[in-house]
Amino acid sequence: MKFQCTPQSLGFGVGKVMRFLIFDSKPLVRWIARLTLLVLLLIAGAYFVHWFISFFMSFLSLGLILWAIGKGDLSKLSSKKEGGLRLTSADGYRYGEAGYGYYINGYRIDADADNTASH
C-alpha cells in the first residue's frame, strides 16, 4: 500500500464526492445529494456572513467611539449639574462650617437630625 499525504487524500475524497453528485446512476439520489450539499453550503455561508457582519460592526462601533471622543467636547463631562447649581470638587459629603453634611457651593443642604428635632 502506498502512503498518501493529506492533500492527496483530501483531493481524492473531494473527487469521489463530486463524482457521486454529478454521475450517480439514480437521478433522485443525485438531486437529494445536490440539495443536501446546497443546504450545507448555505448554512456555512450564513455563519460566515454573520461572523463578517459582527466583525465589521465591532470595528465600526469602535471607530465611531474614537471619532466622537476626538471631536467631542469633554469639558462638559468634568462638572455635574444638580438642581441648576454647578458642582465643584469641594461639593458633596464633607466636614464643613455647619458640621458633617452634604454641601453645594459652600452651603449645607441636607437636614441635620439635631436641628430639625429642636424646631
Protein backbone atom coordinates (compact mmCIF):
# COMPACT_ATOMS: atom_id res chain seq x y z
CA MET A 1 0.00 0.00 0.00
CA LYS A 2 1.31 3.37 -0.99
CA PHE A 3 1.48 6.20 1.59
CA GLN A 4 -0.79 9.16 0.72
CA CYS A 5 -0.20 12.68 2.02
CA THR A 6 -3.04 14.84 3.35
CA PRO A 7 -3.61 16.98 0.23
CA GLN A 8 -3.70 13.88 -1.94
CA SER A 9 -6.22 12.18 0.36
CA LEU A 10 -8.32 15.33 0.53
CA GLY A 11 -8.35 15.65 -3.27
CA PHE A 12 -9.27 12.00 -3.65
CA GLY A 13 -12.20 12.42 -1.24
CA VAL A 14 -13.46 15.57 -2.94
CA GLY A 15 -13.24 13.81 -6.30
CA LYS A 16 -15.34 10.89 -5.06
CA VAL A 17 -17.99 13.26 -3.67
CA MET A 18 -18.11 15.24 -6.93
CA ARG A 19 -18.37 12.05 -8.98
CA PHE A 20 -21.27 10.94 -6.77
CA LEU A 21 -23.03 14.32 -7.17
CA ILE A 22 -22.58 14.51 -10.94
CA PHE A 23 -22.57 10.95 -12.30
CA ASP A 24 -24.75 8.85 -9.96
CA SER A 25 -26.97 6.43 -11.87
CA LYS A 26 -30.09 7.24 -9.83
CA PRO A 27 -31.40 10.76 -10.56
CA LEU A 28 -33.41 11.03 -7.34
CA VAL A 29 -30.40 10.20 -5.16
CA ARG A 30 -28.26 12.59 -7.22
CA TRP A 31 -30.69 15.51 -6.70
CA ILE A 32 -31.12 14.78 -2.99
CA ALA A 33 -27.34 14.81 -2.60
CA ARG A 34 -27.08 18.07 -4.55
CA LEU A 35 -29.78 19.72 -2.43
CA THR A 36 -28.09 18.49 0.75
CA LEU A 37 -24.79 19.97 -0.40
CA LEU A 38 -26.52 23.23 -1.31
CA VAL A 39 -28.15 23.47 2.14
CA LEU A 40 -24.83 22.78 3.87
CA LEU A 41 -23.12 25.47 1.77
CA LEU A 42 -25.89 27.96 2.57
CA ILE A 43 -25.58 27.25 6.30
CA ALA A 44 -21.80 27.66 6.17
CA GLY A 45 -22.25 30.86 4.16
CA ALA A 46 -24.73 32.22 6.69
CA TYR A 47 -22.27 31.61 9.52
CA PHE A 48 -19.52 33.34 7.57
CA VAL A 49 -21.73 36.33 6.76
CA HIS A 50 -22.83 36.57 10.40
CA TRP A 51 -19.22 36.50 11.56
CA PHE A 52 -18.18 39.07 8.96
CA ILE A 53 -21.01 41.47 9.84
CA SER A 54 -20.26 41.13 13.57
CA PHE A 55 -16.57 41.81 12.93
CA PHE A 56 -17.39 44.82 10.75
CA MET A 57 -19.90 46.28 13.24
CA SER A 58 -17.43 45.93 16.11
CA PHE A 59 -14.79 47.91 14.27
CA LEU A 60 -17.37 50.43 13.07
CA SER A 61 -18.55 50.98 16.66
CA LEU A 62 -15.01 51.32 17.93
CA GLY A 63 -14.20 53.78 15.14
CA LEU A 64 -17.29 55.88 15.88
CA ILE A 65 -16.49 55.94 19.59
CA LEU A 66 -12.93 57.07 18.92
CA TRP A 67 -14.18 59.66 16.41
CA ALA A 68 -16.72 61.01 18.92
CA ILE A 69 -14.06 61.25 21.62
CA GLY A 70 -11.79 63.12 19.23
CA LYS A 71 -14.48 65.52 18.01
CA GLY A 72 -16.44 65.91 21.22
CA ASP A 73 -16.08 68.49 23.97
CA LEU A 74 -15.04 66.57 27.07
CA SER A 75 -15.02 69.66 29.28
CA LYS A 76 -18.78 69.25 29.76
CA LEU A 77 -18.20 65.92 31.47
CA SER A 78 -15.88 67.32 34.14
CA SER A 79 -18.64 69.00 36.15
CA LYS A 80 -22.11 67.79 37.04
CA LYS A 81 -25.27 69.79 37.44
CA GLU A 82 -27.73 69.20 40.23
CA GLY A 83 -30.76 71.38 40.67
CA GLY A 84 -29.34 74.06 38.38
CA LEU A 85 -26.23 74.51 40.54
CA ARG A 86 -22.73 73.72 39.34
CA LEU A 87 -20.93 71.20 41.48
CA THR A 88 -17.28 71.76 42.27
CA SER A 89 -14.75 69.30 43.58
CA ALA A 90 -15.42 70.57 47.13
CA ASP A 91 -19.12 69.73 46.84
CA GLY A 92 -20.60 66.59 48.32
CA TYR A 93 -20.42 64.96 51.74
CA ARG A 94 -17.68 66.51 53.90
CA TYR A 95 -16.94 68.29 57.16
CA GLY A 96 -17.73 71.96 56.73
CA GLU A 97 -18.71 75.10 58.67
CA ALA A 98 -22.02 73.59 59.74
CA GLY A 99 -20.60 70.14 60.58
CA TYR A 100 -20.63 66.97 58.51
CA GLY A 101 -23.19 67.01 55.72
CA TYR A 102 -23.86 67.45 52.04
CA TYR A 103 -22.50 70.76 50.74
CA ILE A 104 -23.14 72.53 47.43
CA ASN A 105 -21.34 75.82 46.73
CA GLY A 106 -20.26 76.07 50.35
CA TYR A 107 -23.77 75.68 51.84
CA ARG A 108 -25.00 72.64 53.67
CA ILE A 109 -28.23 71.47 52.06
CA ASP A 110 -29.10 68.30 53.95
CA ALA A 111 -31.27 68.40 57.05
CA ASP A 112 -29.46 67.78 60.31
CA ALA A 113 -31.38 65.46 62.63
CA ASP A 114 -30.39 67.52 65.72
CA ASN A 115 -31.51 70.83 64.18
CA THR A 116 -34.84 69.53 62.88
CA ALA A 117 -35.81 67.98 66.22
CA SER A 118 -35.36 71.26 68.11
CA HIS A 119 -37.52 73.35 65.76
